[in-house]
Amino acid sequence: YVIDHIPAGKGMRVYEVLKLSGLS
């Protein structure tokens, strides 16, 4: 996936809510 057009500064919030840090 490419999640595009996220307002500047909200990318980390999307990253956290989707729990992407746990992916390999």
PDBML (XML) file of the C-alpha atoms, coordinates in Angstrom:
<?xml version="1.0" encoding="UTF-8" ?>
<PDBx:datablock datablockName="MODEL"
   xmlns:PDBx="http://pdbml.pdb.org/schema/pdbx-v50.xsd"
   xmlns:xsi="http://www.w3.org/2001/XMLSchema-instance"
   xsi:schemaLocation="http://pdbml.pdb.org/schema/pdbx-v50.xsd pdbx-v50.xsd">
   <PDBx:atom_siteCategory>
      <PDBx:atom_site id="1">
         <PDBx:B_iso_or_equiv>0.00</PDBx:B_iso_or_equiv>
         <PDBx:Cartn_x>0.000</PDBx:Cartn_x>
         <PDBx:Cartn_y>0.000</PDBx:Cartn_y>
         <PDBx:Cartn_z>0.000</PDBx:Cartn_z>
         <PDBx:auth_asym_id>A</PDBx:auth_asym_id>
         <PDBx:auth_atom_id>CA</PDBx:auth_atom_id>
         <PDBx:auth_comp_id>TYR</PDBx:auth_comp_id>
         <PDBx:auth_seq_id>1</PDBx:auth_seq_id>
         <PDBx:group_PDB>ATOM</PDBx:group_PDB>
         <PDBx:label_alt_id xsi:nil="true" />
         <PDBx:label_asym_id>A</PDBx:label_asym_id>
         <PDBx:label_atom_id>CA</PDBx:label_atom_id>
         <PDBx:label_comp_id>TYR</PDBx:label_comp_id>
         <PDBx:label_entity_id>1</PDBx:label_entity_id>
         <PDBx:label_seq_id>1</PDBx:label_seq_id>
         <PDBx:occupancy>1.00</PDBx:occupancy>
         <PDBx:pdbx_PDB_model_num>1</PDBx:pdbx_PDB_model_num>
         <PDBx:type_symbol>C</PDBx:type_symbol>
      </PDBx:atom_site>
      <PDBx:atom_site id="2">
         <PDBx:B_iso_or_equiv>0.00</PDBx:B_iso_or_equiv>
         <PDBx:Cartn_x>0.880</PDBx:Cartn_x>
         <PDBx:Cartn_y>3.626</PDBx:Cartn_y>
         <PDBx:Cartn_z>-0.491</PDBx:Cartn_z>
         <PDBx:auth_asym_id>A</PDBx:auth_asym_id>
         <PDBx:auth_atom_id>CA</PDBx:auth_atom_id>
         <PDBx:auth_comp_id>VAL</PDBx:auth_comp_id>
         <PDBx:auth_seq_id>2</PDBx:auth_seq_id>
         <PDBx:group_PDB>ATOM</PDBx:group_PDB>
         <PDBx:label_alt_id xsi:nil="true" />
         <PDBx:label_asym_id>A</PDBx:label_asym_id>
         <PDBx:label_atom_id>CA</PDBx:label_atom_id>
         <PDBx:label_comp_id>VAL</PDBx:label_comp_id>
         <PDBx:label_entity_id>1</PDBx:label_entity_id>
         <PDBx:label_seq_id>2</PDBx:label_seq_id>
         <PDBx:occupancy>1.00</PDBx:occupancy>
         <PDBx:pdbx_PDB_model_num>1</PDBx:pdbx_PDB_model_num>
         <PDBx:type_symbol>C</PDBx:type_symbol>
      </PDBx:atom_site>
      <PDBx:atom_site id="3">
         <PDBx:B_iso_or_equiv>0.00</PDBx:B_iso_or_equiv>
         <PDBx:Cartn_x>-1.156</PDBx:Cartn_x>
         <PDBx:Cartn_y>5.864</PDBx:Cartn_y>
         <PDBx:Cartn_z>1.800</PDBx:Cartn_z>
         <PDBx:auth_asym_id>A</PDBx:auth_asym_id>
         <PDBx:auth_atom_id>CA</PDBx:auth_atom_id>
         <PDBx:auth_comp_id>ILE</PDBx:auth_comp_id>
         <PDBx:auth_seq_id>3</PDBx:auth_seq_id>
         <PDBx:group_PDB>ATOM</PDBx:group_PDB>
         <PDBx:label_alt_id xsi:nil="true" />
         <PDBx:label_asym_id>A</PDBx:label_asym_id>
         <PDBx:label_atom_id>CA</PDBx:label_atom_id>
         <PDBx:label_comp_id>ILE</PDBx:label_comp_id>
         <PDBx:label_entity_id>1</PDBx:label_entity_id>
         <PDBx:label_seq_id>3</PDBx:label_seq_id>
         <PDBx:occupancy>1.00</PDBx:occupancy>
         <PDBx:pdbx_PDB_model_num>1</PDBx:pdbx_PDB_model_num>
         <PDBx:type_symbol>C</PDBx:type_symbol>
      </PDBx:atom_site>
      <PDBx:atom_site id="4">
         <PDBx:B_iso_or_equiv>0.00</PDBx:B_iso_or_equiv>
         <PDBx:Cartn_x>-0.898</PDBx:Cartn_x>
         <PDBx:Cartn_y>9.256</PDBx:Cartn_y>
         <PDBx:Cartn_z>0.146</PDBx:Cartn_z>
         <PDBx:auth_asym_id>A</PDBx:auth_asym_id>
         <PDBx:auth_atom_id>CA</PDBx:auth_atom_id>
         <PDBx:auth_comp_id>ASP</PDBx:auth_comp_id>
         <PDBx:auth_seq_id>4</PDBx:auth_seq_id>
         <PDBx:group_PDB>ATOM</PDBx:group_PDB>
         <PDBx:label_alt_id xsi:nil="true" />
         <PDBx:label_asym_id>A</PDBx:label_asym_id>
         <PDBx:label_atom_id>CA</PDBx:label_atom_id>
         <PDBx:label_comp_id>ASP</PDBx:label_comp_id>
         <PDBx:label_entity_id>1</PDBx:label_entity_id>
         <PDBx:label_seq_id>4</PDBx:label_seq_id>
         <PDBx:occupancy>1.00</PDBx:occupancy>
         <PDBx:pdbx_PDB_model_num>1</PDBx:pdbx_PDB_model_num>
         <PDBx:type_symbol>C</PDBx:type_symbol>
      </PDBx:atom_site>
      <PDBx:atom_site id="5">
         <PDBx:B_iso_or_equiv>0.00</PDBx:B_iso_or_equiv>
         <PDBx:Cartn_x>-2.169</PDBx:Cartn_x>
         <PDBx:Cartn_y>12.790</PDBx:Cartn_y>
         <PDBx:Cartn_z>0.804</PDBx:Cartn_z>
         <PDBx:auth_asym_id>A</PDBx:auth_asym_id>
         <PDBx:auth_atom_id>CA</PDBx:auth_atom_id>
         <PDBx:auth_comp_id>HIS</PDBx:auth_comp_id>
         <PDBx:auth_seq_id>5</PDBx:auth_seq_id>
         <PDBx:group_PDB>ATOM</PDBx:group_PDB>
         <PDBx:label_alt_id xsi:nil="true" />
         <PDBx:label_asym_id>A</PDBx:label_asym_id>
         <PDBx:label_atom_id>CA</PDBx:label_atom_id>
         <PDBx:label_comp_id>HIS</PDBx:label_comp_id>
         <PDBx:label_entity_id>1</PDBx:label_entity_id>
         <PDBx:label_seq_id>5</PDBx:label_seq_id>
         <PDBx:occupancy>1.00</PDBx:occupancy>
         <PDBx:pdbx_PDB_model_num>1</PDBx:pdbx_PDB_model_num>
         <PDBx:type_symbol>C</PDBx:type_symbol>
      </PDBx:atom_site>
      <PDBx:atom_site id="6">
         <PDBx:B_iso_or_equiv>0.00</PDBx:B_iso_or_equiv>
         <PDBx:Cartn_x>-1.951</PDBx:Cartn_x>
         <PDBx:Cartn_y>12.478</PDBx:Cartn_y>
         <PDBx:Cartn_z>4.581</PDBx:Cartn_z>
         <PDBx:auth_asym_id>A</PDBx:auth_asym_id>
         <PDBx:auth_atom_id>CA</PDBx:auth_atom_id>
         <PDBx:auth_comp_id>ILE</PDBx:auth_comp_id>
         <PDBx:auth_seq_id>6</PDBx:auth_seq_id>
         <PDBx:group_PDB>ATOM</PDBx:group_PDB>
         <PDBx:label_alt_id xsi:nil="true" />
         <PDBx:label_asym_id>A</PDBx:label_asym_id>
         <PDBx:label_atom_id>CA</PDBx:label_atom_id>
         <PDBx:label_comp_id>ILE</PDBx:label_comp_id>
         <PDBx:label_entity_id>1</PDBx:label_entity_id>
         <PDBx:label_seq_id>6</PDBx:label_seq_id>
         <PDBx:occupancy>1.00</PDBx:occupancy>
         <PDBx:pdbx_PDB_model_num>1</PDBx:pdbx_PDB_model_num>
         <PDBx:type_symbol>C</PDBx:type_symbol>
      </PDBx:atom_site>
      <PDBx:atom_site id="7">
         <PDBx:B_iso_or_equiv>0.00</PDBx:B_iso_or_equiv>
         <PDBx:Cartn_x>-1.917</PDBx:Cartn_x>
         <PDBx:Cartn_y>16.022</PDBx:Cartn_y>
         <PDBx:Cartn_z>5.996</PDBx:Cartn_z>
         <PDBx:auth_asym_id>A</PDBx:auth_asym_id>
         <PDBx:auth_atom_id>CA</PDBx:auth_atom_id>
         <PDBx:auth_comp_id>PRO</PDBx:auth_comp_id>
         <PDBx:auth_seq_id>7</PDBx:auth_seq_id>
         <PDBx:group_PDB>ATOM</PDBx:group_PDB>
         <PDBx:label_alt_id xsi:nil="true" />
         <PDBx:label_asym_id>A</PDBx:label_asym_id>
         <PDBx:label_atom_id>CA</PDBx:label_atom_id>
         <PDBx:label_comp_id>PRO</PDBx:label_comp_id>
         <PDBx:label_entity_id>1</PDBx:label_entity_id>
         <PDBx:label_seq_id>7</PDBx:label_seq_id>
         <PDBx:occupancy>1.00</PDBx:occupancy>
         <PDBx:pdbx_PDB_model_num>1</PDBx:pdbx_PDB_model_num>
         <PDBx:type_symbol>C</PDBx:type_symbol>
      </PDBx:atom_site>
      <PDBx:atom_site id="8">
         <PDBx:B_iso_or_equiv>0.00</PDBx:B_iso_or_equiv>
         <PDBx:Cartn_x>1.624</PDBx:Cartn_x>
         <PDBx:Cartn_y>17.030</PDBx:Cartn_y>
         <PDBx:Cartn_z>6.991</PDBx:Cartn_z>
         <PDBx:auth_asym_id>A</PDBx:auth_asym_id>
         <PDBx:auth_atom_id>CA</PDBx:auth_atom_id>
         <PDBx:auth_comp_id>ALA</PDBx:auth_comp_id>
         <PDBx:auth_seq_id>8</PDBx:auth_seq_id>
         <PDBx:group_PDB>ATOM</PDBx:group_PDB>
         <PDBx:label_alt_id xsi:nil="true" />
         <PDBx:label_asym_id>A</PDBx:label_asym_id>
         <PDBx:label_atom_id>CA</PDBx:label_atom_id>
         <PDBx:label_comp_id>ALA</PDBx:label_comp_id>
         <PDBx:label_entity_id>1</PDBx:label_entity_id>
         <PDBx:label_seq_id>8</PDBx:label_seq_id>
         <PDBx:occupancy>1.00</PDBx:occupancy>
         <PDBx:pdbx_PDB_model_num>1</PDBx:pdbx_PDB_model_num>
         <PDBx:type_symbol>C</PDBx:type_symbol>
      </PDBx:atom_site>
      <PDBx:atom_site id="9">
         <PDBx:B_iso_or_equiv>0.00</PDBx:B_iso_or_equiv>
         <PDBx:Cartn_x>2.284</PDBx:Cartn_x>
         <PDBx:Cartn_y>16.049</PDBx:Cartn_y>
         <PDBx:Cartn_z>10.590</PDBx:Cartn_z>
         <PDBx:auth_asym_id>A</PDBx:auth_asym_id>
         <PDBx:auth_atom_id>CA</PDBx:auth_atom_id>
         <PDBx:auth_comp_id>GLY</PDBx:auth_comp_id>
         <PDBx:auth_seq_id>9</PDBx:auth_seq_id>
         <PDBx:group_PDB>ATOM</PDBx:group_PDB>
         <PDBx:label_alt_id xsi:nil="true" />
         <PDBx:label_asym_id>A</PDBx:label_asym_id>
         <PDBx:label_atom_id>CA</PDBx:label_atom_id>
         <PDBx:label_comp_id>GLY</PDBx:label_comp_id>
         <PDBx:label_entity_id>1</PDBx:label_entity_id>
         <PDBx:label_seq_id>9</PDBx:label_seq_id>
         <PDBx:occupancy>1.00</PDBx:occupancy>
         <PDBx:pdbx_PDB_model_num>1</PDBx:pdbx_PDB_model_num>
         <PDBx:type_symbol>C</PDBx:type_symbol>
      </PDBx:atom_site>
      <PDBx:atom_site id="10">
         <PDBx:B_iso_or_equiv>0.00</PDBx:B_iso_or_equiv>
         <PDBx:Cartn_x>-0.376</PDBx:Cartn_x>
         <PDBx:Cartn_y>13.308</PDBx:Cartn_y>
         <PDBx:Cartn_z>10.779</PDBx:Cartn_z>
         <PDBx:auth_asym_id>A</PDBx:auth_asym_id>
         <PDBx:auth_atom_id>CA</PDBx:auth_atom_id>
         <PDBx:auth_comp_id>LYS</PDBx:auth_comp_id>
         <PDBx:auth_seq_id>10</PDBx:auth_seq_id>
         <PDBx:group_PDB>ATOM</PDBx:group_PDB>
         <PDBx:label_alt_id xsi:nil="true" />
         <PDBx:label_asym_id>A</PDBx:label_asym_id>
         <PDBx:label_atom_id>CA</PDBx:label_atom_id>
         <PDBx:label_comp_id>LYS</PDBx:label_comp_id>
         <PDBx:label_entity_id>1</PDBx:label_entity_id>
         <PDBx:label_seq_id>10</PDBx:label_seq_id>
         <PDBx:occupancy>1.00</PDBx:occupancy>
         <PDBx:pdbx_PDB_model_num>1</PDBx:pdbx_PDB_model_num>
         <PDBx:type_symbol>C</PDBx:type_symbol>
      </PDBx:atom_site>
      <PDBx:atom_site id="11">
         <PDBx:B_iso_or_equiv>0.00</PDBx:B_iso_or_equiv>
         <PDBx:Cartn_x>1.664</PDBx:Cartn_x>
         <PDBx:Cartn_y>10.489</PDBx:Cartn_y>
         <PDBx:Cartn_z>9.232</PDBx:Cartn_z>
         <PDBx:auth_asym_id>A</PDBx:auth_asym_id>
         <PDBx:auth_atom_id>CA</PDBx:auth_atom_id>
         <PDBx:auth_comp_id>GLY</PDBx:auth_comp_id>
         <PDBx:auth_seq_id>11</PDBx:auth_seq_id>
         <PDBx:group_PDB>ATOM</PDBx:group_PDB>
         <PDBx:label_alt_id xsi:nil="true" />
         <PDBx:label_asym_id>A</PDBx:label_asym_id>
         <PDBx:label_atom_id>CA</PDBx:label_atom_id>
         <PDBx:label_comp_id>GLY</PDBx:label_comp_id>
         <PDBx:label_entity_id>1</PDBx:label_entity_id>
         <PDBx:label_seq_id>11</PDBx:label_seq_id>
         <PDBx:occupancy>1.00</PDBx:occupancy>
         <PDBx:pdbx_PDB_model_num>1</PDBx:pdbx_PDB_model_num>
         <PDBx:type_symbol>C</PDBx:type_symbol>
      </PDBx:atom_site>
      <PDBx:atom_site id="12">
         <PDBx:B_iso_or_equiv>0.00</PDBx:B_iso_or_equiv>
         <PDBx:Cartn_x>3.042</PDBx:Cartn_x>
         <PDBx:Cartn_y>9.300</PDBx:Cartn_y>
         <PDBx:Cartn_z>12.580</PDBx:Cartn_z>
         <PDBx:auth_asym_id>A</PDBx:auth_asym_id>
         <PDBx:auth_atom_id>CA</PDBx:auth_atom_id>
         <PDBx:auth_comp_id>MET</PDBx:auth_comp_id>
         <PDBx:auth_seq_id>12</PDBx:auth_seq_id>
         <PDBx:group_PDB>ATOM</PDBx:group_PDB>
         <PDBx:label_alt_id xsi:nil="true" />
         <PDBx:label_asym_id>A</PDBx:label_asym_id>
         <PDBx:label_atom_id>CA</PDBx:label_atom_id>
         <PDBx:label_comp_id>MET</PDBx:label_comp_id>
         <PDBx:label_entity_id>1</PDBx:label_entity_id>
         <PDBx:label_seq_id>12</PDBx:label_seq_id>
         <PDBx:occupancy>1.00</PDBx:occupancy>
         <PDBx:pdbx_PDB_model_num>1</PDBx:pdbx_PDB_model_num>
         <PDBx:type_symbol>C</PDBx:type_symbol>
      </PDBx:atom_site>
      <PDBx:atom_site id="13">
         <PDBx:B_iso_or_equiv>0.00</PDBx:B_iso_or_equiv>
         <PDBx:Cartn_x>-0.477</PDBx:Cartn_x>
         <PDBx:Cartn_y>9.209</PDBx:Cartn_y>
         <PDBx:Cartn_z>14.065</PDBx:Cartn_z>
         <PDBx:auth_asym_id>A</PDBx:auth_asym_id>
         <PDBx:auth_atom_id>CA</PDBx:auth_atom_id>
         <PDBx:auth_comp_id>ARG</PDBx:auth_comp_id>
         <PDBx:auth_seq_id>13</PDBx:auth_seq_id>
         <PDBx:group_PDB>ATOM</PDBx:group_PDB>
         <PDBx:label_alt_id xsi:nil="true" />
         <PDBx:label_asym_id>A</PDBx:label_asym_id>
         <PDBx:label_atom_id>CA</PDBx:label_atom_id>
         <PDBx:label_comp_id>ARG</PDBx:label_comp_id>
         <PDBx:label_entity_id>1</PDBx:label_entity_id>
         <PDBx:label_seq_id>13</PDBx:label_seq_id>
         <PDBx:occupancy>1.00</PDBx:occupancy>
         <PDBx:pdbx_PDB_model_num>1</PDBx:pdbx_PDB_model_num>
         <PDBx:type_symbol>C</PDBx:type_symbol>
      </PDBx:atom_site>
      <PDBx:atom_site id="14">
         <PDBx:B_iso_or_equiv>0.00</PDBx:B_iso_or_equiv>
         <PDBx:Cartn_x>-1.631</PDBx:Cartn_x>
         <PDBx:Cartn_y>6.985</PDBx:Cartn_y>
         <PDBx:Cartn_z>11.171</PDBx:Cartn_z>
         <PDBx:auth_asym_id>A</PDBx:auth_asym_id>
         <PDBx:auth_atom_id>CA</PDBx:auth_atom_id>
         <PDBx:auth_comp_id>VAL</PDBx:auth_comp_id>
         <PDBx:auth_seq_id>14</PDBx:auth_seq_id>
         <PDBx:group_PDB>ATOM</PDBx:group_PDB>
         <PDBx:label_alt_id xsi:nil="true" />
         <PDBx:label_asym_id>A</PDBx:label_asym_id>
         <PDBx:label_atom_id>CA</PDBx:label_atom_id>
         <PDBx:label_comp_id>VAL</PDBx:label_comp_id>
         <PDBx:label_entity_id>1</PDBx:label_entity_id>
         <PDBx:label_seq_id>14</PDBx:label_seq_id>
         <PDBx:occupancy>1.00</PDBx:occupancy>
         <PDBx:pdbx_PDB_model_num>1</PDBx:pdbx_PDB_model_num>
         <PDBx:type_symbol>C</PDBx:type_symbol>
      </PDBx:atom_site>
      <PDBx:atom_site id="15">
         <PDBx:B_iso_or_equiv>0.00</PDBx:B_iso_or_equiv>
         <PDBx:Cartn_x>1.482</PDBx:Cartn_x>
         <PDBx:Cartn_y>4.820</PDBx:Cartn_y>
         <PDBx:Cartn_z>11.696</PDBx:Cartn_z>
         <PDBx:auth_asym_id>A</PDBx:auth_asym_id>
         <PDBx:auth_atom_id>CA</PDBx:auth_atom_id>
         <PDBx:auth_comp_id>TYR</PDBx:auth_comp_id>
         <PDBx:auth_seq_id>15</PDBx:auth_seq_id>
         <PDBx:group_PDB>ATOM</PDBx:group_PDB>
         <PDBx:label_alt_id xsi:nil="true" />
         <PDBx:label_asym_id>A</PDBx:label_asym_id>
         <PDBx:label_atom_id>CA</PDBx:label_atom_id>
         <PDBx:label_comp_id>TYR</PDBx:label_comp_id>
         <PDBx:label_entity_id>1</PDBx:label_entity_id>
         <PDBx:label_seq_id>15</PDBx:label_seq_id>
         <PDBx:occupancy>1.00</PDBx:occupancy>
         <PDBx:pdbx_PDB_model_num>1</PDBx:pdbx_PDB_model_num>
         <PDBx:type_symbol>C</PDBx:type_symbol>
      </PDBx:atom_site>
      <PDBx:atom_site id="16">
         <PDBx:B_iso_or_equiv>0.00</PDBx:B_iso_or_equiv>
         <PDBx:Cartn_x>0.694</PDBx:Cartn_x>
         <PDBx:Cartn_y>4.434</PDBx:Cartn_y>
         <PDBx:Cartn_z>15.415</PDBx:Cartn_z>
         <PDBx:auth_asym_id>A</PDBx:auth_asym_id>
         <PDBx:auth_atom_id>CA</PDBx:auth_atom_id>
         <PDBx:auth_comp_id>GLU</PDBx:auth_comp_id>
         <PDBx:auth_seq_id>16</PDBx:auth_seq_id>
         <PDBx:group_PDB>ATOM</PDBx:group_PDB>
         <PDBx:label_alt_id xsi:nil="true" />
         <PDBx:label_asym_id>A</PDBx:label_asym_id>
         <PDBx:label_atom_id>CA</PDBx:label_atom_id>
         <PDBx:label_comp_id>GLU</PDBx:label_comp_id>
         <PDBx:label_entity_id>1</PDBx:label_entity_id>
         <PDBx:label_seq_id>16</PDBx:label_seq_id>
         <PDBx:occupancy>1.00</PDBx:occupancy>
         <PDBx:pdbx_PDB_model_num>1</PDBx:pdbx_PDB_model_num>
         <PDBx:type_symbol>C</PDBx:type_symbol>
      </PDBx:atom_site>
      <PDBx:atom_site id="17">
         <PDBx:B_iso_or_equiv>0.00</PDBx:B_iso_or_equiv>
         <PDBx:Cartn_x>-3.046</PDBx:Cartn_x>
         <PDBx:Cartn_y>3.777</PDBx:Cartn_y>
         <PDBx:Cartn_z>15.023</PDBx:Cartn_z>
         <PDBx:auth_asym_id>A</PDBx:auth_asym_id>
         <PDBx:auth_atom_id>CA</PDBx:auth_atom_id>
         <PDBx:auth_comp_id>VAL</PDBx:auth_comp_id>
         <PDBx:auth_seq_id>17</PDBx:auth_seq_id>
         <PDBx:group_PDB>ATOM</PDBx:group_PDB>
         <PDBx:label_alt_id xsi:nil="true" />
         <PDBx:label_asym_id>A</PDBx:label_asym_id>
         <PDBx:label_atom_id>CA</PDBx:label_atom_id>
         <PDBx:label_comp_id>VAL</PDBx:label_comp_id>
         <PDBx:label_entity_id>1</PDBx:label_entity_id>
         <PDBx:label_seq_id>17</PDBx:label_seq_id>
         <PDBx:occupancy>1.00</PDBx:occupancy>
         <PDBx:pdbx_PDB_model_num>1</PDBx:pdbx_PDB_model_num>
         <PDBx:type_symbol>C</PDBx:type_symbol>
      </PDBx:atom_site>
      <PDBx:atom_site id="18">
         <PDBx:B_iso_or_equiv>0.00</PDBx:B_iso_or_equiv>
         <PDBx:Cartn_x>-2.428</PDBx:Cartn_x>
         <PDBx:Cartn_y>1.108</PDBx:Cartn_y>
         <PDBx:Cartn_z>12.365</PDBx:Cartn_z>
         <PDBx:auth_asym_id>A</PDBx:auth_asym_id>
         <PDBx:auth_atom_id>CA</PDBx:auth_atom_id>
         <PDBx:auth_comp_id>LEU</PDBx:auth_comp_id>
         <PDBx:auth_seq_id>18</PDBx:auth_seq_id>
         <PDBx:group_PDB>ATOM</PDBx:group_PDB>
         <PDBx:label_alt_id xsi:nil="true" />
         <PDBx:label_asym_id>A</PDBx:label_asym_id>
         <PDBx:label_atom_id>CA</PDBx:label_atom_id>
         <PDBx:label_comp_id>LEU</PDBx:label_comp_id>
         <PDBx:label_entity_id>1</PDBx:label_entity_id>
         <PDBx:label_seq_id>18</PDBx:label_seq_id>
         <PDBx:occupancy>1.00</PDBx:occupancy>
         <PDBx:pdbx_PDB_model_num>1</PDBx:pdbx_PDB_model_num>
         <PDBx:type_symbol>C</PDBx:type_symbol>
      </PDBx:atom_site>
      <PDBx:atom_site id="19">
         <PDBx:B_iso_or_equiv>0.00</PDBx:B_iso_or_equiv>
         <PDBx:Cartn_x>0.239</PDBx:Cartn_x>
         <PDBx:Cartn_y>-0.462</PDBx:Cartn_y>
         <PDBx:Cartn_z>14.648</PDBx:Cartn_z>
         <PDBx:auth_asym_id>A</PDBx:auth_asym_id>
         <PDBx:auth_atom_id>CA</PDBx:auth_atom_id>
         <PDBx:auth_comp_id>LYS</PDBx:auth_comp_id>
         <PDBx:auth_seq_id>19</PDBx:auth_seq_id>
         <PDBx:group_PDB>ATOM</PDBx:group_PDB>
         <PDBx:label_alt_id xsi:nil="true" />
         <PDBx:label_asym_id>A</PDBx:label_asym_id>
         <PDBx:label_atom_id>CA</PDBx:label_atom_id>
         <PDBx:label_comp_id>LYS</PDBx:label_comp_id>
         <PDBx:label_entity_id>1</PDBx:label_entity_id>
         <PDBx:label_seq_id>19</PDBx:label_seq_id>
         <PDBx:occupancy>1.00</PDBx:occupancy>
         <PDBx:pdbx_PDB_model_num>1</PDBx:pdbx_PDB_model_num>
         <PDBx:type_symbol>C</PDBx:type_symbol>
      </PDBx:atom_site>
      <PDBx:atom_site id="20">
         <PDBx:B_iso_or_equiv>0.00</PDBx:B_iso_or_equiv>
         <PDBx:Cartn_x>2.761</PDBx:Cartn_x>
         <PDBx:Cartn_y>-0.572</PDBx:Cartn_y>
         <PDBx:Cartn_z>11.808</PDBx:Cartn_z>
         <PDBx:auth_asym_id>A</PDBx:auth_asym_id>
         <PDBx:auth_atom_id>CA</PDBx:auth_atom_id>
         <PDBx:auth_comp_id>LEU</PDBx:auth_comp_id>
         <PDBx:auth_seq_id>20</PDBx:auth_seq_id>
         <PDBx:group_PDB>ATOM</PDBx:group_PDB>
         <PDBx:label_alt_id xsi:nil="true" />
         <PDBx:label_asym_id>A</PDBx:label_asym_id>
         <PDBx:label_atom_id>CA</PDBx:label_atom_id>
         <PDBx:label_comp_id>LEU</PDBx:label_comp_id>
         <PDBx:label_entity_id>1</PDBx:label_entity_id>
         <PDBx:label_seq_id>20</PDBx:label_seq_id>
         <PDBx:occupancy>1.00</PDBx:occupancy>
         <PDBx:pdbx_PDB_model_num>1</PDBx:pdbx_PDB_model_num>
         <PDBx:type_symbol>C</PDBx:type_symbol>
      </PDBx:atom_site>
      <PDBx:atom_site id="21">
         <PDBx:B_iso_or_equiv>0.00</PDBx:B_iso_or_equiv>
         <PDBx:Cartn_x>5.730</PDBx:Cartn_x>
         <PDBx:Cartn_y>-0.772</PDBx:Cartn_y>
         <PDBx:Cartn_z>14.188</PDBx:Cartn_z>
         <PDBx:auth_asym_id>A</PDBx:auth_asym_id>
         <PDBx:auth_atom_id>CA</PDBx:auth_atom_id>
         <PDBx:auth_comp_id>SER</PDBx:auth_comp_id>
         <PDBx:auth_seq_id>21</PDBx:auth_seq_id>
         <PDBx:group_PDB>ATOM</PDBx:group_PDB>
         <PDBx:label_alt_id xsi:nil="true" />
         <PDBx:label_asym_id>A</PDBx:label_asym_id>
         <PDBx:label_atom_id>CA</PDBx:label_atom_id>
         <PDBx:label_comp_id>SER</PDBx:label_comp_id>
         <PDBx:label_entity_id>1</PDBx:label_entity_id>
         <PDBx:label_seq_id>21</PDBx:label_seq_id>
         <PDBx:occupancy>1.00</PDBx:occupancy>
         <PDBx:pdbx_PDB_model_num>1</PDBx:pdbx_PDB_model_num>
         <PDBx:type_symbol>C</PDBx:type_symbol>
      </PDBx:atom_site>
      <PDBx:atom_site id="22">
         <PDBx:B_iso_or_equiv>0.00</PDBx:B_iso_or_equiv>
         <PDBx:Cartn_x>4.891</PDBx:Cartn_x>
         <PDBx:Cartn_y>-4.435</PDBx:Cartn_y>
         <PDBx:Cartn_z>14.817</PDBx:Cartn_z>
         <PDBx:auth_asym_id>A</PDBx:auth_asym_id>
         <PDBx:auth_atom_id>CA</PDBx:auth_atom_id>
         <PDBx:auth_comp_id>GLY</PDBx:auth_comp_id>
         <PDBx:auth_seq_id>22</PDBx:auth_seq_id>
         <PDBx:group_PDB>ATOM</PDBx:group_PDB>
         <PDBx:label_alt_id xsi:nil="true" />
         <PDBx:label_asym_id>A</PDBx:label_asym_id>
         <PDBx:label_atom_id>CA</PDBx:label_atom_id>
         <PDBx:label_comp_id>GLY</PDBx:label_comp_id>
         <PDBx:label_entity_id>1</PDBx:label_entity_id>
         <PDBx:label_seq_id>22</PDBx:label_seq_id>
         <PDBx:occupancy>1.00</PDBx:occupancy>
         <PDBx:pdbx_PDB_model_num>1</PDBx:pdbx_PDB_model_num>
         <PDBx:type_symbol>C</PDBx:type_symbol>
      </PDBx:atom_site>
      <PDBx:atom_site id="23">
         <PDBx:B_iso_or_equiv>0.00</PDBx:B_iso_or_equiv>
         <PDBx:Cartn_x>5.262</PDBx:Cartn_x>
         <PDBx:Cartn_y>-5.454</PDBx:Cartn_y>
         <PDBx:Cartn_z>11.180</PDBx:Cartn_z>
         <PDBx:auth_asym_id>A</PDBx:auth_asym_id>
         <PDBx:auth_atom_id>CA</PDBx:auth_atom_id>
         <PDBx:auth_comp_id>LEU</PDBx:auth_comp_id>
         <PDBx:auth_seq_id>23</PDBx:auth_seq_id>
         <PDBx:group_PDB>ATOM</PDBx:group_PDB>
         <PDBx:label_alt_id xsi:nil="true" />
         <PDBx:label_asym_id>A</PDBx:label_asym_id>
         <PDBx:label_atom_id>CA</PDBx:label_atom_id>
         <PDBx:label_comp_id>LEU</PDBx:label_comp_id>
         <PDBx:label_entity_id>1</PDBx:label_entity_id>
         <PDBx:label_seq_id>23</PDBx:label_seq_id>
         <PDBx:occupancy>1.00</PDBx:occupancy>
         <PDBx:pdbx_PDB_model_num>1</PDBx:pdbx_PDB_model_num>
         <PDBx:type_symbol>C</PDBx:type_symbol>
      </PDBx:atom_site>
      <PDBx:atom_site id="24">
         <PDBx:B_iso_or_equiv>0.00</PDBx:B_iso_or_equiv>
         <PDBx:Cartn_x>8.242</PDBx:Cartn_x>
         <PDBx:Cartn_y>-7.382</PDBx:Cartn_y>
         <PDBx:Cartn_z>9.849</PDBx:Cartn_z>
         <PDBx:auth_asym_id>A</PDBx:auth_asym_id>
         <PDBx:auth_atom_id>CA</PDBx:auth_atom_id>
         <PDBx:auth_comp_id>SER</PDBx:auth_comp_id>
         <PDBx:auth_seq_id>24</PDBx:auth_seq_id>
         <PDBx:group_PDB>ATOM</PDBx:group_PDB>
         <PDBx:label_alt_id xsi:nil="true" />
         <PDBx:label_asym_id>A</PDBx:label_asym_id>
         <PDBx:label_atom_id>CA</PDBx:label_atom_id>
         <PDBx:label_comp_id>SER</PDBx:label_comp_id>
         <PDBx:label_entity_id>1</PDBx:label_entity_id>
         <PDBx:label_seq_id>24</PDBx:label_seq_id>
         <PDBx:occupancy>1.00</PDBx:occupancy>
         <PDBx:pdbx_PDB_model_num>1</PDBx:pdbx_PDB_model_num>
         <PDBx:type_symbol>C</PDBx:type_symbol>
      </PDBx:atom_site>
   </PDBx:atom_siteCategory>
</PDBx:datablock>
